[in-house]
Amino acid sequence: MDESSTEEMLVERPNRLLFGLNFVGGIVVEPAPRQRVMLTLRYELGHTYMAKSDGELESSYFLDPLQSRNRGFRVSLAYLYDLKTEERNKGKSTIDRRSPK
């Protein structure tokens, strides 16, 4: 194909709306106090018609129905650690027993 020739897709009234469904499930496990492990699973389904009419290239016989189907599967793993030090020291003495008075 020649560099100087550029073909554009002609689309009348494009559609910018995508319909989809998400299925999500997860679990949180606390292996030690103030520490958590979180596992999330997600499956996504999407479908749209990008235009009401078919798209066609200017100088060819190529037609595109302009349908889009999106599917995705995601796995997320997170380690959460509580950094609240005021809660961590509750009930503990703040006296330094190593230093003589």
N, C-alpha and C. Protein backbone atom coordinates (compact mmCIF):
# COMPACT_ATOMS: atom_id res chain seq x y z
N MET A 1 0.84 -1.18 0.00
CA MET A 1 0.00 0.00 0.00
C MET A 1 0.88 1.24 0.00
N ASP A 2 0.55 2.21 -0.77
CA ASP A 2 1.32 3.44 -0.90
C ASP A 2 1.19 4.29 0.37
N GLU A 3 2.28 4.91 0.82
CA GLU A 3 2.29 5.74 2.03
C GLU A 3 1.42 6.98 1.87
N SER A 4 1.33 7.52 0.66
CA SER A 4 0.58 8.76 0.46
C SER A 4 -0.92 8.55 0.48
N SER A 5 -1.39 7.33 0.21
CA SER A 5 -2.84 7.09 0.21
C SER A 5 -3.29 6.65 1.60
N THR A 6 -4.25 7.35 2.12
CA THR A 6 -4.82 6.98 3.41
C THR A 6 -6.29 6.74 3.23
N GLU A 7 -6.76 5.63 3.75
CA GLU A 7 -8.18 5.32 3.65
C GLU A 7 -8.80 5.52 5.02
N GLU A 8 -9.98 6.05 5.03
CA GLU A 8 -10.68 6.29 6.28
C GLU A 8 -11.97 5.49 6.29
N MET A 9 -12.33 5.06 7.49
CA MET A 9 -13.58 4.35 7.66
C MET A 9 -14.69 5.39 7.79
N LEU A 10 -15.72 5.25 6.98
CA LEU A 10 -16.87 6.16 7.04
C LEU A 10 -17.92 5.56 7.95
N VAL A 11 -18.26 6.25 9.02
CA VAL A 11 -19.25 5.77 9.97
C VAL A 11 -20.28 6.87 10.18
N GLU A 12 -21.54 6.52 9.95
CA GLU A 12 -22.61 7.47 10.20
C GLU A 12 -23.18 7.24 11.60
N ARG A 13 -23.35 8.28 12.36
CA ARG A 13 -23.92 8.26 13.71
C ARG A 13 -23.29 7.17 14.59
N PRO A 14 -22.07 7.38 15.06
CA PRO A 14 -21.44 6.37 15.91
C PRO A 14 -22.14 6.22 17.25
N ASN A 15 -22.10 5.01 17.79
CA ASN A 15 -22.71 4.69 19.08
C ASN A 15 -21.58 4.63 20.12
N ARG A 16 -21.72 5.35 21.20
CA ARG A 16 -20.67 5.38 22.22
C ARG A 16 -21.13 4.71 23.51
N LEU A 17 -22.06 3.79 23.44
CA LEU A 17 -22.60 3.14 24.61
C LEU A 17 -22.24 1.65 24.58
N LEU A 18 -21.72 1.14 25.68
CA LEU A 18 -21.34 -0.27 25.79
C LEU A 18 -22.17 -0.89 26.90
N PHE A 19 -22.79 -2.01 26.60
CA PHE A 19 -23.54 -2.75 27.60
C PHE A 19 -22.67 -3.88 28.12
N GLY A 20 -22.74 -4.12 29.40
CA GLY A 20 -21.92 -5.18 29.94
C GLY A 20 -22.44 -5.72 31.25
N LEU A 21 -21.92 -6.88 31.61
CA LEU A 21 -22.19 -7.54 32.88
C LEU A 21 -20.87 -7.87 33.54
N ASN A 22 -20.81 -7.69 34.84
CA ASN A 22 -19.63 -8.06 35.61
C ASN A 22 -20.05 -9.06 36.68
N PHE A 23 -19.31 -10.14 36.79
CA PHE A 23 -19.52 -11.12 37.84
C PHE A 23 -18.26 -11.10 38.72
N VAL A 24 -18.45 -10.80 40.02
CA VAL A 24 -17.32 -10.61 40.92
C VAL A 24 -17.52 -11.46 42.16
N GLY A 25 -16.43 -12.08 42.61
CA GLY A 25 -16.42 -12.83 43.86
C GLY A 25 -15.06 -12.68 44.51
N GLY A 26 -15.05 -12.77 45.82
CA GLY A 26 -13.78 -12.62 46.51
C GLY A 26 -13.81 -13.21 47.90
N ILE A 27 -12.63 -13.28 48.48
CA ILE A 27 -12.47 -13.81 49.82
C ILE A 27 -11.37 -13.02 50.52
N VAL A 28 -11.55 -12.82 51.82
CA VAL A 28 -10.54 -12.15 52.64
C VAL A 28 -10.17 -13.11 53.77
N VAL A 29 -8.87 -13.36 53.93
CA VAL A 29 -8.35 -14.26 54.95
C VAL A 29 -7.44 -13.45 55.87
N GLU A 30 -7.53 -13.68 57.18
CA GLU A 30 -6.69 -12.97 58.14
C GLU A 30 -5.73 -13.99 58.77
N PRO A 31 -4.52 -14.15 58.20
CA PRO A 31 -3.57 -15.15 58.72
C PRO A 31 -2.97 -14.78 60.07
N ALA A 32 -2.88 -13.50 60.39
CA ALA A 32 -2.36 -13.02 61.66
C ALA A 32 -3.13 -11.75 62.03
N PRO A 33 -3.08 -11.35 63.31
CA PRO A 33 -3.78 -10.12 63.68
C PRO A 33 -3.28 -8.92 62.88
N ARG A 34 -4.19 -8.08 62.43
CA ARG A 34 -3.93 -6.86 61.66
C ARG A 34 -3.26 -7.13 60.30
N GLN A 35 -3.38 -8.33 59.79
CA GLN A 35 -2.85 -8.65 58.45
C GLN A 35 -3.94 -9.40 57.69
N ARG A 36 -4.12 -9.04 56.43
CA ARG A 36 -5.17 -9.68 55.62
C ARG A 36 -4.64 -9.98 54.22
N VAL A 37 -5.16 -11.06 53.66
CA VAL A 37 -4.89 -11.43 52.26
C VAL A 37 -6.25 -11.44 51.56
N MET A 38 -6.33 -10.71 50.45
CA MET A 38 -7.60 -10.58 49.73
C MET A 38 -7.43 -11.12 48.31
N LEU A 39 -8.32 -12.04 47.91
CA LEU A 39 -8.32 -12.61 46.56
C LEU A 39 -9.65 -12.26 45.91
N THR A 40 -9.59 -11.68 44.71
CA THR A 40 -10.80 -11.27 43.98
C THR A 40 -10.75 -11.87 42.58
N LEU A 41 -11.87 -12.42 42.14
CA LEU A 41 -12.03 -12.95 40.79
C LEU A 41 -13.13 -12.16 40.10
N ARG A 42 -12.90 -11.79 38.84
CA ARG A 42 -13.87 -10.97 38.09
C ARG A 42 -13.94 -11.48 36.65
N TYR A 43 -15.19 -11.64 36.16
CA TYR A 43 -15.43 -11.99 34.77
C TYR A 43 -16.31 -10.91 34.17
N GLU A 44 -15.90 -10.38 33.03
CA GLU A 44 -16.59 -9.25 32.40
C GLU A 44 -17.08 -9.64 31.01
N LEU A 45 -18.32 -9.28 30.72
CA LEU A 45 -18.91 -9.50 29.40
C LEU A 45 -19.42 -8.16 28.89
N GLY A 46 -19.11 -7.82 27.65
CA GLY A 46 -19.58 -6.57 27.07
C GLY A 46 -19.95 -6.76 25.61
N HIS A 47 -20.89 -5.96 25.15
CA HIS A 47 -21.30 -6.04 23.75
C HIS A 47 -21.83 -4.68 23.31
N THR A 48 -21.51 -4.29 22.10
CA THR A 48 -22.05 -3.05 21.54
C THR A 48 -22.02 -3.10 20.02
N TYR A 49 -22.90 -2.32 19.43
CA TYR A 49 -22.82 -1.99 18.01
C TYR A 49 -22.25 -0.59 17.95
N MET A 50 -21.11 -0.41 17.30
CA MET A 50 -20.44 0.89 17.30
C MET A 50 -21.11 1.92 16.41
N ALA A 51 -21.99 1.46 15.51
CA ALA A 51 -22.74 2.39 14.65
C ALA A 51 -24.00 1.70 14.17
N LYS A 52 -24.96 2.49 13.75
CA LYS A 52 -26.22 1.93 13.27
C LYS A 52 -26.07 1.32 11.88
N SER A 53 -25.11 1.82 11.10
CA SER A 53 -24.87 1.28 9.77
C SER A 53 -23.51 0.59 9.74
N ASP A 54 -23.29 -0.20 8.71
CA ASP A 54 -21.99 -0.85 8.54
C ASP A 54 -20.95 0.18 8.15
N GLY A 55 -19.72 -0.05 8.58
CA GLY A 55 -18.63 0.83 8.19
C GLY A 55 -18.02 0.34 6.89
N GLU A 56 -17.62 1.26 6.04
CA GLU A 56 -16.99 0.85 4.78
C GLU A 56 -15.81 1.77 4.49
N LEU A 57 -14.79 1.19 3.87
CA LEU A 57 -13.63 1.97 3.48
C LEU A 57 -13.96 2.71 2.19
N GLU A 58 -13.33 3.88 2.01
CA GLU A 58 -13.66 4.76 0.88
C GLU A 58 -13.51 4.09 -0.48
N SER A 59 -12.36 3.49 -0.72
CA SER A 59 -12.10 3.01 -2.10
C SER A 59 -12.02 1.49 -2.19
N SER A 60 -12.79 0.78 -1.38
CA SER A 60 -12.76 -0.68 -1.49
C SER A 60 -14.16 -1.23 -1.25
N TYR A 61 -14.24 -2.52 -1.36
CA TYR A 61 -15.52 -3.19 -1.16
C TYR A 61 -15.62 -3.81 0.23
N PHE A 62 -14.76 -3.39 1.14
CA PHE A 62 -14.73 -3.95 2.49
C PHE A 62 -15.82 -3.32 3.36
N LEU A 63 -16.65 -4.16 3.96
CA LEU A 63 -17.68 -3.72 4.90
C LEU A 63 -17.40 -4.34 6.26
N ASP A 64 -17.59 -3.58 7.31
CA ASP A 64 -17.40 -4.05 8.68
C ASP A 64 -18.72 -3.88 9.42
N PRO A 65 -19.25 -4.95 10.04
CA PRO A 65 -20.53 -4.81 10.75
C PRO A 65 -20.43 -3.97 12.02
N LEU A 66 -19.24 -3.60 12.44
CA LEU A 66 -18.99 -2.72 13.58
C LEU A 66 -19.64 -3.22 14.88
N GLN A 67 -19.49 -4.50 15.11
CA GLN A 67 -19.91 -5.10 16.37
C GLN A 67 -18.68 -5.30 17.24
N SER A 68 -18.86 -5.17 18.52
CA SER A 68 -17.74 -5.41 19.43
C SER A 68 -18.21 -6.26 20.59
N ARG A 69 -17.47 -7.31 20.88
CA ARG A 69 -17.74 -8.15 22.04
C ARG A 69 -16.48 -8.18 22.89
N ASN A 70 -16.64 -7.81 24.14
CA ASN A 70 -15.51 -7.79 25.06
C ASN A 70 -15.72 -8.83 26.14
N ARG A 71 -14.68 -9.60 26.39
CA ARG A 71 -14.70 -10.57 27.47
C ARG A 71 -13.38 -10.47 28.21
N GLY A 72 -13.45 -10.53 29.51
CA GLY A 72 -12.23 -10.45 30.28
C GLY A 72 -12.34 -11.22 31.58
N PHE A 73 -11.20 -11.77 32.01
CA PHE A 73 -11.13 -12.49 33.28
C PHE A 73 -9.98 -11.87 34.06
N ARG A 74 -10.24 -11.47 35.30
CA ARG A 74 -9.24 -10.80 36.13
C ARG A 74 -9.09 -11.51 37.46
N VAL A 75 -7.85 -11.65 37.90
CA VAL A 75 -7.54 -12.19 39.22
C VAL A 75 -6.72 -11.13 39.95
N SER A 76 -7.11 -10.81 41.16
CA SER A 76 -6.41 -9.80 41.94
C SER A 76 -6.06 -10.41 43.30
N LEU A 77 -4.81 -10.24 43.71
CA LEU A 77 -4.34 -10.72 45.00
C LEU A 77 -3.70 -9.55 45.72
N ALA A 78 -4.14 -9.29 46.95
CA ALA A 78 -3.62 -8.14 47.70
C ALA A 78 -3.25 -8.59 49.12
N TYR A 79 -2.18 -8.01 49.64
CA TYR A 79 -1.76 -8.22 51.02
C TYR A 79 -1.94 -6.90 51.75
N LEU A 80 -2.75 -6.91 52.80
CA LEU A 80 -3.07 -5.69 53.53
C LEU A 80 -2.48 -5.79 54.94
N TYR A 81 -1.77 -4.75 55.35
CA TYR A 81 -1.16 -4.69 56.67
C TYR A 81 -1.62 -3.42 57.36
N ASP A 82 -2.11 -3.54 58.59
CA ASP A 82 -2.63 -2.40 59.34
C ASP A 82 -1.48 -1.59 59.91
N LEU A 83 -1.41 -0.31 59.58
CA LEU A 83 -0.33 0.56 60.04
C LEU A 83 -0.76 1.47 61.19
N LYS A 84 -1.87 1.23 61.84
CA LYS A 84 -2.33 2.07 62.94
C LYS A 84 -1.53 1.72 64.20
N THR A 85 -0.49 2.49 64.48
CA THR A 85 0.40 2.18 65.61
C THR A 85 -0.27 2.43 66.95
N GLU A 86 -1.19 3.38 67.04
CA GLU A 86 -1.84 3.63 68.32
C GLU A 86 -2.69 2.43 68.76
N GLU A 87 -3.27 1.72 67.80
CA GLU A 87 -4.03 0.52 68.12
C GLU A 87 -3.10 -0.64 68.48
N ARG A 88 -1.95 -0.68 67.86
CA ARG A 88 -1.00 -1.76 68.07
C ARG A 88 -0.41 -1.74 69.49
N ASN A 89 -0.25 -0.56 70.11
CA ASN A 89 0.38 -0.44 71.42
C ASN A 89 -0.63 -0.40 72.56
N LYS A 90 -1.89 -0.62 72.29
CA LYS A 90 -2.90 -0.59 73.35
C LYS A 90 -2.65 -1.72 74.34
N GLY A 91 -2.67 -1.37 75.63
CA GLY A 91 -2.49 -2.38 76.67
C GLY A 91 -1.05 -2.71 76.98
N LYS A 92 -0.10 -2.10 76.28
CA LYS A 92 1.32 -2.35 76.52
C LYS A 92 1.91 -1.18 77.30
N SER A 93 2.91 -1.47 78.13
CA SER A 93 3.56 -0.44 78.92
C SER A 93 4.51 0.38 78.04
N THR A 94 4.60 1.67 78.34
CA THR A 94 5.52 2.54 77.61
C THR A 94 6.77 2.85 78.43
N ILE A 95 6.96 2.15 79.56
CA ILE A 95 8.12 2.38 80.42
C ILE A 95 9.32 1.66 79.82
N ASP A 96 10.44 2.38 79.69
CA ASP A 96 11.68 1.77 79.19
C ASP A 96 12.38 1.10 80.37
N ARG A 97 12.36 -0.21 80.44
CA ARG A 97 12.91 -0.96 81.57
C ARG A 97 14.42 -1.14 81.46
N ARG A 98 15.03 -0.84 80.33
CA ARG A 98 16.48 -1.04 80.16
C ARG A 98 17.28 0.11 80.75
N SER A 99 16.76 1.30 80.77
CA SER A 99 17.54 2.45 81.23
C SER A 99 17.40 2.62 82.76
N PRO A 100 18.55 2.72 83.47
CA PRO A 100 18.49 2.93 84.94
C PRO A 100 18.08 4.36 85.26
N LYS A 101 17.42 4.56 86.37
CA LYS A 101 16.99 5.90 86.78
C LYS A 101 17.88 6.48 87.82
